[in-house]
């Protein structure tokens, strides 16, 4: 047993350092050292586990008083290694925390920068809005768009002659009107007034026309009457060349008198297709035959070729329309043959393009018969309407049925009968979201006159809105034209402005 003097002589500073580091770093051993006098007071012999303080500090060899010395030293080394591992792990975590803090500071810097940018942008917006308000307050500076009072008023006459067919179209933001007048096609440009730019004539009478747009190219389809000499009918396709139309294609139809065009584009499984339908009214072969084929053409990339024939009954008009991606074609049938007699109580029919785009298949016969003169559709608030413009064969006094699409049966149901007198034409249009329909009304008598009845949709029905007098005896054509500050309704050859 060593006394204090001997311990002080033989204990080196390095050993004391190791000893106190061990006692401080190992809580278990520190507990023994601080709670057992054998370690803290070297006058006491040993720990209860036979590890003596002096022997622990100055190991030479195992003794009877310290039989577990080697195990104790092994535990000390493993504890030190675990400390180093934990310190290394702590260092990694501190590094990761430092990186995250740097990222957080960078994100905060970017947020502050974006706030500054948004503040600058908001200030620019506020300055522009203030400038706009100042300009709007300047007398004579700016015109508001379509602040209408809600009435159609005569605007001006396009020509002194009656228009038998009419289309409006737009090329590079410029507005144009094409009309059939006395068998010729007259084309006008509109810019706060009508300017005549072209006349297209033919050896026979031009009966109908249709504007066509394919891949940003503009065409005009003209339907001609049957030649008395050749008993054939030529359909002309003209192409816009920058300032006027030039003849582009001739389509020959044998012995048929056309009455109306219709054009549409359709997306099918086999790609996009462009269709042009011609409603043929009668066949000119000596006897007037009405139960004949109307023709559908398809665009092949550079011209129209015949696609399909559909048997119609004295068809006066045709229209394409789309419902939920499906393309439909309607024919306004007007006359049929019963024996040797022509009968006007016939039904208009609808056809649907199959998903492959290979043919139009029969879809529906409209339930109200009559002598249909025109057919058109319009959409309002998700509802699809169809107007079959017709008159009863027994009297001029009749009505035209308005149909509503039934989403369950996927057919049109009768919705309303619009009173009319021998109406030859109807057009649908919108103004500021309001849906209108205008229909010609023929008044028979010693001096027949034609007026136009404007209807406005109210819920799911049309109500009379205004009656317009054109002082004409035609009522064959109508269309509409809209600019930034004006809406024009074109009836025959008179323009009405919505004020």
Protein backbone atom coordinates (compact mmCIF):
# COMPACT_ATOMS: atom_id res chain seq x y z
CA UNK A 1 0.00 0.00 0.00
CA UNK A 2 1.39 3.43 -1.10
CA UNK A 3 1.18 6.50 1.04
CA UNK A 4 0.56 10.03 -0.20
CA UNK A 5 4.20 10.98 -0.35
CA UNK A 6 5.06 7.98 -2.56
CA UNK A 7 2.08 8.73 -4.79
CA UNK A 8 3.19 12.31 -5.31
CA UNK A 9 6.73 11.19 -6.17
CA UNK A 10 5.78 8.60 -8.79
CA UNK A 11 2.63 10.21 -10.38
CA UNK A 12 3.59 12.03 -13.54
CA UNK A 13 1.65 15.08 -14.89
CA UNK A 14 0.70 13.11 -18.01
CA UNK A 15 -0.74 10.34 -15.91
CA UNK A 16 -2.66 12.78 -13.77
CA UNK A 17 -4.00 14.37 -16.95
CA UNK A 18 -5.10 11.01 -18.25
CA UNK A 19 -6.63 10.13 -14.92
CA UNK A 20 -8.68 13.28 -14.63
CA UNK A 21 -9.71 13.13 -18.25
CA UNK A 22 -10.93 9.58 -17.69
CA UNK A 23 -12.75 10.50 -14.52
CA UNK A 24 -14.37 13.47 -16.27
CA UNK A 25 -15.24 11.74 -19.56
CA UNK A 26 -16.63 8.50 -18.19
CA UNK A 27 -19.68 9.19 -16.03
CA UNK A 28 -19.74 5.60 -14.74
CA UNK A 29 -16.16 5.73 -13.60
CA UNK A 30 -16.59 9.26 -12.33
CA UNK A 31 -19.49 8.00 -10.27
CA UNK A 32 -17.24 5.38 -8.71
CA UNK A 33 -14.46 7.90 -8.16
CA UNK A 34 -16.63 10.54 -6.59
CA UNK A 35 -18.77 8.26 -4.54
CA UNK A 36 -16.07 5.87 -3.32
CA UNK A 37 -13.32 6.96 -1.03
CA UNK A 38 -10.95 4.29 -2.43
CA UNK A 39 -10.55 6.54 -5.56
CA UNK A 40 -10.84 10.04 -4.19
CA UNK A 41 -8.99 9.24 -0.99
CA UNK A 42 -6.03 6.92 -1.74
CA UNK A 43 -5.73 5.99 1.93
CA UNK A 44 -8.65 3.56 1.42
CA UNK A 45 -7.75 0.25 -0.12
CA UNK A 46 -10.14 -0.77 -2.95
CA UNK A 47 -13.56 -0.47 -4.66
CA UNK A 48 -16.18 -3.06 -3.97
CA UNK A 49 -15.45 -4.51 -7.45
CA UNK A 50 -11.79 -5.04 -6.38
CA UNK A 51 -10.43 -2.26 -8.61
CA UNK A 52 -8.05 -0.28 -6.43
CA UNK A 53 -7.40 3.35 -7.01
CA UNK A 54 -3.64 3.13 -6.97
CA UNK A 55 -3.50 0.05 -8.96
CA UNK A 56 -5.77 1.66 -11.57
CA UNK A 57 -3.55 4.72 -11.89
CA UNK A 58 -0.32 2.83 -12.00
CA UNK A 59 -0.99 -0.52 -13.57
CA UNK A 60 1.95 -2.92 -13.55
CA UNK A 61 0.32 -6.27 -13.49
CA UNK A 62 -2.84 -7.86 -12.29
CA UNK A 63 -3.00 -8.39 -8.59
CA UNK A 64 -5.32 -10.07 -6.22
CA UNK A 65 -6.84 -6.73 -5.33
CA UNK A 66 -7.50 -5.76 -9.00
CA UNK A 67 -8.47 -8.94 -10.86
CA UNK A 68 -10.61 -7.08 -13.48
CA UNK A 69 -8.10 -4.36 -14.44
CA UNK A 70 -7.75 -5.45 -18.10
CA UNK A 71 -11.51 -5.43 -18.66
CA UNK A 72 -11.76 -2.01 -17.09
CA UNK A 73 -9.08 -0.59 -19.41
CA UNK A 74 -10.82 -2.14 -22.44
CA UNK A 75 -14.06 -0.44 -21.42
CA UNK A 76 -12.18 2.85 -21.14
CA UNK A 77 -10.78 2.52 -24.68
CA UNK A 78 -14.17 1.60 -26.18
CA UNK A 79 -15.75 4.53 -24.38
CA UNK A 80 -13.14 6.84 -25.89
CA UNK A 81 -13.76 5.47 -29.39
CA UNK A 82 -17.50 5.94 -28.95
CA UNK A 83 -16.79 9.52 -27.84
CA UNK A 84 -14.77 10.15 -31.00
CA UNK A 85 -17.55 8.69 -33.17
CA UNK A 86 -20.14 10.87 -31.47
CA UNK A 87 -17.93 13.93 -31.77
CA UNK A 88 -17.44 13.21 -35.50
CA UNK A 89 -21.19 12.76 -35.96
CA UNK A 90 -21.78 15.99 -34.06
CA UNK A 91 -19.30 17.75 -36.33
CA UNK A 92 -21.16 16.50 -39.42
CA UNK A 93 -24.47 17.64 -38.00
CA UNK A 94 -23.01 21.05 -37.21
CA UNK A 95 -21.73 21.28 -40.79
CA UNK A 96 -25.13 20.29 -42.16
CA UNK A 97 -26.78 22.85 -39.91
CA UNK A 98 -24.37 25.51 -41.16
CA UNK A 99 -25.20 24.66 -44.79
CA UNK A 100 -28.92 24.80 -44.05
CA UNK A 101 -28.51 28.15 -42.33
CA UNK A 102 -26.65 29.47 -45.37
CA UNK A 103 -29.44 28.22 -47.65
CA UNK A 104 -32.03 29.80 -45.39
CA UNK A 105 -30.20 33.12 -45.51
CA UNK A 106 -29.97 32.87 -49.33
CA UNK A 107 -33.68 32.06 -49.61
CA UNK A 108 -34.54 34.96 -47.37
CA UNK A 109 -32.35 37.22 -49.51
CA UNK A 110 -34.17 36.09 -52.67
CA UNK A 111 -37.57 36.57 -51.01
CA UNK A 112 -36.59 40.09 -49.99
CA UNK A 113 -35.38 40.74 -53.53
CA UNK A 114 -38.65 39.43 -55.01
CA UNK A 115 -40.63 41.57 -52.60
CA UNK A 116 -38.71 44.56 -53.81
CA UNK A 117 -39.32 43.60 -57.46
CA UNK A 118 -43.04 43.03 -56.86
CA UNK A 119 -43.25 46.37 -55.13
CA UNK A 120 -41.62 48.04 -58.14
CA UNK A 121 -43.92 46.19 -60.56
CA UNK A 122 -46.98 47.09 -58.50
CA UNK A 123 -45.91 50.70 -58.56
CA UNK A 124 -45.58 50.56 -62.36
CA UNK A 125 -49.07 49.03 -62.64
CA UNK A 126 -50.53 51.72 -60.42
CA UNK A 127 -48.80 54.42 -62.50
CA UNK A 128 -50.18 52.92 -65.74
CA UNK A 129 -53.69 52.68 -64.29
CA UNK A 130 -53.49 56.30 -63.22
CA UNK A 131 -52.31 57.27 -66.72
CA UNK A 132 -55.21 55.34 -68.30
CA UNK A 133 -57.69 57.11 -66.04
CA UNK A 134 -56.19 60.45 -67.00
CA UNK A 135 -56.45 59.59 -70.71
CA UNK A 136 -60.02 58.41 -70.33
CA UNK A 137 -60.91 61.71 -68.68
CA UNK A 138 -59.44 63.63 -71.63
CA UNK A 139 -62.31 64.84 -73.90
CA UNK A 140 -62.41 63.07 -77.27
CA UNK A 141 -59.55 60.74 -76.43
CA UNK A 142 -60.96 57.28 -76.00
CA UNK A 143 -64.11 55.46 -76.98
CA UNK A 144 -65.64 52.87 -74.72
CA UNK A 145 -66.48 49.50 -76.31
CA UNK A 146 -70.12 48.70 -76.97
CA UNK A 147 -72.05 50.89 -74.56
CA UNK A 148 -75.33 50.20 -76.30
CA UNK A 149 -78.78 51.48 -75.58
CA UNK A 150 -80.26 48.30 -77.04
CA UNK A 151 -81.95 49.24 -80.35
CA UNK A 152 -81.19 48.58 -84.01
CA UNK A 153 -81.21 51.70 -86.15
CA UNK A 154 -80.64 52.07 -89.92
CA UNK A 155 -76.98 52.79 -90.62
CA UNK A 156 -76.54 52.87 -94.40
CA UNK A 157 -77.26 50.98 -97.62
CA UNK A 158 -74.53 48.86 -99.14
CA UNK A 159 -76.18 48.96 -102.56
CA UNK A 160 -79.48 49.86 -104.13
CA UNK A 161 -79.94 46.26 -105.29
CA UNK A 162 -81.25 43.31 -103.29
CA UNK A 163 -78.76 40.76 -101.93
CA UNK A 164 -79.80 37.13 -102.38
CA UNK A 165 -76.96 35.62 -100.33
CA UNK A 166 -74.34 37.06 -98.01
CA UNK A 167 -71.31 36.16 -95.87
CA UNK A 168 -68.98 38.26 -93.72
CA UNK A 169 -65.39 37.30 -92.97
CA UNK A 170 -62.11 38.64 -91.64
CA UNK A 171 -58.63 38.56 -93.18
CA UNK A 172 -55.71 39.92 -91.13
CA UNK A 173 -58.11 41.90 -88.89
CA UNK A 174 -59.77 43.52 -91.92
CA UNK A 175 -63.56 43.11 -92.32
CA UNK A 176 -65.16 42.02 -95.60
CA UNK A 177 -68.66 41.31 -96.94
CA UNK A 178 -69.44 39.16 -99.99
CA UNK A 179 -72.97 39.33 -101.47
CA UNK A 180 -74.80 37.78 -104.40
CA UNK A 181 -76.51 40.64 -106.26
CA UNK A 182 -78.29 40.04 -109.58
CA UNK A 183 -76.38 36.81 -110.19
CA UNK A 184 -72.93 38.27 -109.50
CA UNK A 185 -70.72 38.25 -106.40
CA UNK A 186 -69.92 41.69 -105.03
CA UNK A 187 -67.19 42.05 -102.38
CA UNK A 188 -66.85 45.03 -100.02
CA UNK A 189 -64.27 46.06 -97.46
CA UNK A 190 -65.57 47.67 -94.29
CA UNK A 191 -63.66 50.32 -92.31
CA UNK A 192 -66.10 52.88 -90.92
CA UNK A 193 -67.84 52.57 -94.26
CA UNK A 194 -68.22 50.15 -97.18
CA UNK A 195 -65.75 50.18 -100.08
CA UNK A 196 -66.39 48.01 -103.13
CA UNK A 197 -63.24 46.07 -104.11
CA UNK A 198 -64.27 43.29 -106.52
CA UNK A 199 -67.00 41.85 -108.74
CA UNK A 200 -67.04 38.16 -109.72
CA UNK A 201 -69.30 37.19 -112.60
CA UNK A 202 -70.07 33.89 -114.34
CA UNK A 203 -71.70 32.63 -117.54
CA UNK A 204 -74.64 31.52 -115.42
CA UNK A 205 -76.21 32.90 -112.27
CA UNK A 206 -74.33 32.70 -108.95
CA UNK A 207 -76.80 31.29 -106.43
CA UNK A 208 -74.90 30.84 -103.17
CA UNK A 209 -71.54 31.51 -101.59
CA UNK A 210 -69.55 30.44 -98.53
CA UNK A 211 -66.36 31.69 -96.87
CA UNK A 212 -63.74 29.02 -96.11
CA UNK A 213 -60.60 29.26 -93.98
CA UNK A 214 -58.02 26.45 -94.07
CA UNK A 215 -54.60 26.83 -92.44
CA UNK A 216 -54.89 30.65 -92.45
CA UNK A 217 -55.71 30.64 -96.16
CA UNK A 218 -59.04 32.17 -97.22
CA UNK A 219 -61.33 30.90 -99.97
CA UNK A 220 -64.73 31.78 -101.37
CA UNK A 221 -66.97 28.97 -102.69
CA UNK A 222 -69.51 30.02 -105.34
CA UNK A 223 -72.42 27.83 -106.46
CA UNK A 224 -73.66 28.44 -110.02
CA UNK A 225 -76.95 27.52 -111.64
CA UNK A 226 -77.25 24.79 -114.24
CA UNK A 227 -76.23 25.68 -117.75
CA UNK A 228 -79.06 25.31 -120.25
CA UNK A 229 -76.60 24.09 -122.87
CA UNK A 230 -74.46 21.57 -120.99
CA UNK A 231 -76.97 20.65 -118.25
CA UNK A 232 -74.09 20.85 -115.77
CA UNK A 233 -73.46 23.09 -112.80
CA UNK A 234 -70.05 24.53 -112.01
CA UNK A 235 -68.96 25.21 -108.47
CA UNK A 236 -66.11 27.71 -108.28
CA UNK A 237 -63.53 28.02 -105.55
CA UNK A 238 -61.69 31.35 -105.34
CA UNK A 239 -58.59 32.00 -103.20
CA UNK A 240 -57.66 35.27 -101.52
CA UNK A 241 -54.44 36.70 -102.96
CA UNK A 242 -53.85 39.68 -100.67
CA UNK A 243 -56.20 42.25 -102.15
CA UNK A 244 -58.87 40.22 -103.98
CA UNK A 245 -59.96 36.67 -104.90
CA UNK A 246 -58.57 34.67 -107.83
CA UNK A 247 -60.13 31.54 -109.34
CA UNK A 248 -58.54 28.46 -107.77
CA UNK A 249 -60.66 25.34 -108.51
CA UNK A 250 -63.67 24.26 -110.57
CA UNK A 251 -65.98 21.50 -109.32
CA UNK A 252 -68.48 20.07 -111.80
CA UNK A 253 -71.89 18.76 -110.67
CA UNK A 254 -74.11 17.03 -113.18
CA UNK A 255 -77.60 18.46 -113.80
CA UNK A 256 -78.22 19.73 -110.25
CA UNK A 257 -79.40 23.15 -109.17
CA UNK A 258 -77.54 24.06 -105.95
CA UNK A 259 -79.08 26.20 -103.25
CA UNK A 260 -76.67 26.50 -100.32
CA UNK A 261 -73.19 25.83 -99.02
CA UNK A 262 -71.95 24.80 -95.57
CA UNK A 263 -68.35 24.44 -94.37
CA UNK A 264 -66.75 23.01 -91.23
CA UNK A 265 -63.58 21.50 -89.84
CA UNK A 266 -63.68 18.24 -87.89
CA UNK A 267 -61.21 16.53 -85.58
CA UNK A 268 -61.38 12.76 -86.07
CA UNK A 269 -59.35 9.72 -85.03
CA UNK A 270 -57.68 9.94 -88.43
CA UNK A 271 -56.78 13.62 -87.97
CA UNK A 272 -58.34 16.97 -88.81
CA UNK A 273 -60.57 17.16 -91.87
CA UNK A 274 -62.30 20.00 -93.70
CA UNK A 275 -65.73 19.41 -95.18
CA UNK A 276 -67.78 21.43 -97.65
CA UNK A 277 -71.43 20.46 -98.17
CA UNK A 278 -73.62 21.51 -101.09
CA UNK A 279 -77.40 21.38 -100.68
CA UNK A 280 -78.91 20.52 -104.08
CA UNK A 281 -82.50 21.60 -104.56
CA UNK A 282 -83.53 19.90 -107.78
CA UNK A 283 -82.25 18.12 -110.86
CA UNK A 284 -82.69 19.78 -114.25
CA UNK A 285 -83.22 16.92 -116.75
CA UNK A 286 -86.44 17.99 -118.42
CA UNK A 287 -88.53 16.90 -115.44
CA UNK A 288 -87.96 18.69 -112.14
CA UNK A 289 -86.81 16.06 -109.68
CA UNK A 290 -86.37 16.96 -106.02
CA UNK A 291 -85.43 13.64 -104.42
CA UNK A 292 -81.76 13.87 -105.41
CA UNK A 293 -78.31 13.67 -103.86
CA UNK A 294 -76.67 16.53 -102.09
CA UNK A 295 -72.88 16.37 -102.08
CA UNK A 296 -70.20 16.53 -99.40
CA UNK A 297 -66.63 17.41 -100.38
CA UNK A 298 -63.43 16.94 -98.36
CA UNK A 299 -60.17 18.87 -98.56
CA UNK A 300 -57.24 16.70 -99.70
CA UNK A 301 -54.52 19.21 -98.89
CA UNK A 302 -54.76 21.38 -101.99
CA UNK A 303 -58.32 21.06 -103.33
CA UNK A 304 -61.82 19.73 -102.57
CA UNK A 305 -62.76 16.27 -103.81
CA UNK A 306 -66.08 14.43 -103.63
CA UNK A 307 -66.48 12.62 -100.30
CA UNK A 308 -70.09 11.40 -99.99
CA UNK A 309 -73.57 11.74 -101.52
CA UNK A 310 -76.63 12.00 -99.28
CA UNK A 311 -80.16 11.72 -100.62
CA UNK A 312 -82.17 14.85 -99.79
CA UNK A 313 -85.63 16.14 -100.69
CA UNK A 314 -85.54 19.48 -102.42
CA UNK A 315 -82.89 20.75 -99.99
CA UNK A 316 -82.68 24.54 -99.71
CA UNK A 317 -79.94 24.83 -97.11
CA UNK A 318 -77.28 22.93 -95.15
CA UNK A 319 -75.48 23.56 -91.87
CA UNK A 320 -72.67 21.98 -89.87
CA UNK A 321 -72.56 22.12 -86.07
CA UNK A 322 -70.54 20.50 -83.29
CA UNK A 323 -71.82 19.14 -79.96
CA UNK A 324 -69.35 17.71 -77.42
CA UNK A 325 -66.76 17.15 -80.13
CA UNK A 326 -69.11 15.32 -82.51
CA UNK A 327 -69.76 16.90 -85.91
CA UNK A 328 -73.30 16.96 -87.34
CA UNK A 329 -74.72 17.99 -90.70
CA UNK A 330 -78.29 19.18 -91.18
CA UNK A 331 -80.23 19.56 -94.44
CA UNK A 332 -83.31 21.78 -94.72
CA UNK A 333 -85.59 19.66 -96.93
CA UNK A 334 -88.29 21.60 -98.73
CA UNK A 335 -89.95 19.51 -101.44
CA UNK A 336 -90.47 15.83 -102.19
CA UNK A 337 -92.10 13.91 -105.02
CA UNK A 338 -95.26 11.86 -104.44
CA UNK A 339 -96.02 10.22 -107.72
CA UNK A 340 -96.03 13.04 -110.26
CA UNK A 341 -96.74 15.71 -107.67
CA UNK A 342 -94.39 17.79 -105.56
CA UNK A 343 -95.24 17.73 -101.85
CA UNK A 344 -93.94 20.34 -99.42
CA UNK A 345 -94.76 18.60 -96.13
CA UNK A 346 -91.34 17.01 -95.65
CA UNK A 347 -88.95 16.65 -92.74
CA UNK A 348 -85.45 18.05 -92.37
CA UNK A 349 -82.81 15.50 -91.44
CA UNK A 350 -79.57 15.38 -89.47
CA UNK A 351 -76.45 13.29 -90.03
CA UNK A 352 -73.46 12.58 -87.75
CA UNK A 353 -69.83 12.08 -88.74
CA UNK A 354 -68.49 8.77 -87.44
CA UNK A 355 -65.46 8.78 -85.15
CA UNK A 356 -63.14 7.69 -87.96
CA UNK A 357 -64.24 10.58 -90.17
CA UNK A 358 -65.05 8.19 -93.02
CA UNK A 359 -68.77 8.98 -93.53
CA UNK A 360 -71.78 10.91 -92.29
CA UNK A 361 -74.42 8.56 -90.95
CA UNK A 362 -78.14 9.16 -90.43
CA UNK A 363 -78.90 10.54 -86.96
CA UNK A 364 -82.38 12.14 -86.69
CA UNK A 365 -85.48 13.26 -88.58
CA UNK A 366 -86.82 16.51 -87.17
CA UNK A 367 -90.43 15.89 -86.07
CA UNK A 368 -92.19 18.98 -87.53
CA UNK A 369 -92.73 18.74 -91.33
CA UNK A 370 -92.99 21.68 -93.66
CA UNK A 371 -91.27 23.44 -96.50
CA UNK A 372 -87.92 24.22 -94.91
CA UNK A 373 -86.04 27.14 -96.41
CA UNK A 374 -83.11 27.46 -93.99
CA UNK A 375 -81.57 25.69 -91.00
CA UNK A 376 -79.15 27.05 -88.40
CA UNK A 377 -77.98 26.37 -84.85
CA UNK A 378 -76.69 28.47 -81.96
CA UNK A 379 -75.33 27.89 -78.46
CA UNK A 380 -76.36 29.74 -75.33
CA UNK A 381 -75.18 28.99 -71.79
CA UNK A 382 -74.35 25.39 -72.62
CA UNK A 383 -77.61 24.73 -74.48
CA UNK A 384 -77.73 23.99 -78.22
CA UNK A 385 -80.71 25.28 -80.21
CA UNK A 386 -81.73 24.55 -83.80
CA UNK A 387 -84.16 26.65 -85.85
CA UNK A 388 -85.82 25.00 -88.86
CA UNK A 389 -87.04 27.97 -90.90
CA UNK A 390 -90.12 26.76 -92.76
CA UNK A 391 -93.62 27.53 -93.94
CA UNK A 392 -96.63 25.27 -94.20
CA UNK A 393 -97.41 24.09 -97.71
CA UNK A 394 -101.10 24.96 -97.47
CA UNK A 395 -100.79 28.58 -96.41
CA UNK A 396 -98.33 31.41 -96.06
CA UNK A 397 -99.31 31.68 -92.41
CA UNK A 398 -97.16 29.21 -90.53
CA UNK A 399 -94.48 28.91 -87.93
CA UNK A 400 -90.88 27.82 -87.64
CA UNK A 401 -90.00 25.23 -84.98
CA UNK A 402 -87.21 25.90 -82.49
CA UNK A 403 -85.55 22.75 -81.14
CA UNK A 404 -83.44 22.18 -78.02
CA UNK A 405 -80.74 19.50 -77.79
CA UNK A 406 -81.52 16.73 -75.31
CA UNK A 407 -78.26 15.60 -73.69
CA UNK A 408 -79.80 12.30 -72.58
CA UNK A 409 -81.21 11.10 -75.91
CA UNK A 410 -78.67 13.09 -77.96
CA UNK A 411 -81.52 14.27 -80.17
CA UNK A 412 -83.37 17.57 -80.66
CA UNK A 413 -86.72 18.04 -78.91
CA UNK A 414 -89.37 20.53 -79.96
CA UNK A 415 -89.14 23.62 -77.77
CA UNK A 416 -91.07 26.51 -79.32
CA UNK A 417 -92.97 27.50 -82.45
CA UNK A 418 -92.03 30.93 -83.76
CA UNK A 419 -94.88 32.58 -85.67
CA UNK A 420 -93.83 33.65 -89.15
CA UNK A 421 -95.07 34.20 -92.70
CA UNK A 422 -93.13 32.38 -95.41
CA UNK A 423 -89.72 33.10 -93.83
CA UNK A 424 -86.86 32.51 -96.29
CA UNK A 425 -83.91 33.10 -93.96
CA UNK A 426 -82.74 33.36 -90.32
CA UNK A 427 -79.44 34.26 -88.66
CA UNK A 428 -78.20 33.92 -85.08
CA UNK A 429 -75.73 36.34 -83.46
CA UNK A 430 -74.49 37.55 -80.07
CA UNK A 431 -74.00 41.04 -78.68
CA UNK A 432 -72.16 41.40 -75.37
CA UNK A 433 -73.13 37.84 -74.43
CA UNK A 434 -76.82 38.29 -75.29
CA UNK A 435 -78.14 35.79 -77.85
CA UNK A 436 -80.32 37.03 -80.71
CA UNK A 437 -82.04 35.49 -83.73
CA UNK A 438 -83.32 37.48 -86.69
CA UNK A 439 -85.80 35.93 -89.15
CA UNK A 440 -87.28 37.35 -92.34
CA UNK A 441 -91.08 37.70 -92.46
CA UNK A 442 -92.81 37.81 -95.84
CA UNK A 443 -96.08 39.79 -95.98
CA UNK A 444 -98.09 38.76 -99.06
CA UNK A 445 -100.46 41.12 -100.81
CA UNK A 446 -100.78 43.41 -103.80
CA UNK A 447 -97.52 45.06 -102.69
CA UNK A 448 -95.57 42.36 -100.86
CA UNK A 449 -93.13 43.57 -98.25
CA UNK A 450 -90.53 41.88 -96.09
CA UNK A 451 -89.70 42.83 -92.56
CA UNK A 452 -87.31 41.18 -90.17
CA UNK A 453 -88.23 40.06 -86.65
CA UNK A 454 -85.44 40.17 -84.07
CA UNK A 455 -85.78 37.70 -81.20
CA UNK A 456 -83.79 37.62 -77.98
CA UNK A 457 -83.36 34.50 -75.90
CA UNK A 458 -84.91 34.53 -72.44
CA UNK A 459 -84.12 31.40 -70.47
CA UNK A 460 -84.88 28.58 -72.90
CA UNK A 461 -87.23 30.47 -75.23
CA UNK A 462 -87.08 33.30 -77.74
CA UNK A 463 -89.11 36.48 -77.25
CA UNK A 464 -89.73 39.17 -79.83
CA UNK A 465 -87.32 42.06 -79.38
CA UNK A 466 -87.72 44.40 -82.38
CA UNK A 467 -89.15 44.53 -85.90
CA UNK A 468 -86.95 45.97 -88.67
CA UNK A 469 -88.29 47.15 -92.03
CA UNK A 470 -85.96 46.82 -95.03
CA UNK A 471 -88.59 47.86 -97.61
CA UNK A 472 -87.39 44.95 -99.74
CA UNK A 473 -89.15 42.00 -101.34
CA UNK A 474 -86.33 39.50 -100.88
CA UNK A 475 -85.43 38.65 -97.30
CA UNK A 476 -82.94 36.14 -98.68
CA UNK A 477 -79.75 37.14 -96.85
CA UNK A 478 -78.56 38.19 -93.44
CA UNK A 479 -75.29 38.37 -91.55
CA UNK A 480 -73.54 40.45 -88.89
CA UNK A 481 -70.29 42.34 -88.52
CA UNK A 482 -68.56 43.58 -85.37
CA UNK A 483 -65.75 46.11 -84.90
CA UNK A 484 -64.17 47.63 -81.80
CA UNK A 485 -66.91 50.25 -81.44
CA UNK A 486 -69.78 49.12 -83.63
CA UNK A 487 -72.07 46.16 -84.23
CA UNK A 488 -73.81 45.95 -87.61
CA UNK A 489 -76.69 43.68 -88.57
CA UNK A 490 -76.78 43.21 -92.35
CA UNK A 491 -80.23 42.43 -93.78
CA UNK A 492 -80.58 42.17 -97.55
CA UNK A 493 -78.35 45.10 -98.54
CA UNK A 494 -79.14 47.40 -95.58
CA UNK A 495 -76.91 47.72 -92.53
CA UNK A 496 -78.51 48.31 -89.11
CA UNK A 497 -76.40 49.59 -86.25
CA UNK A 498 -76.96 48.43 -82.70
CA UNK A 499 -77.03 51.63 -80.67
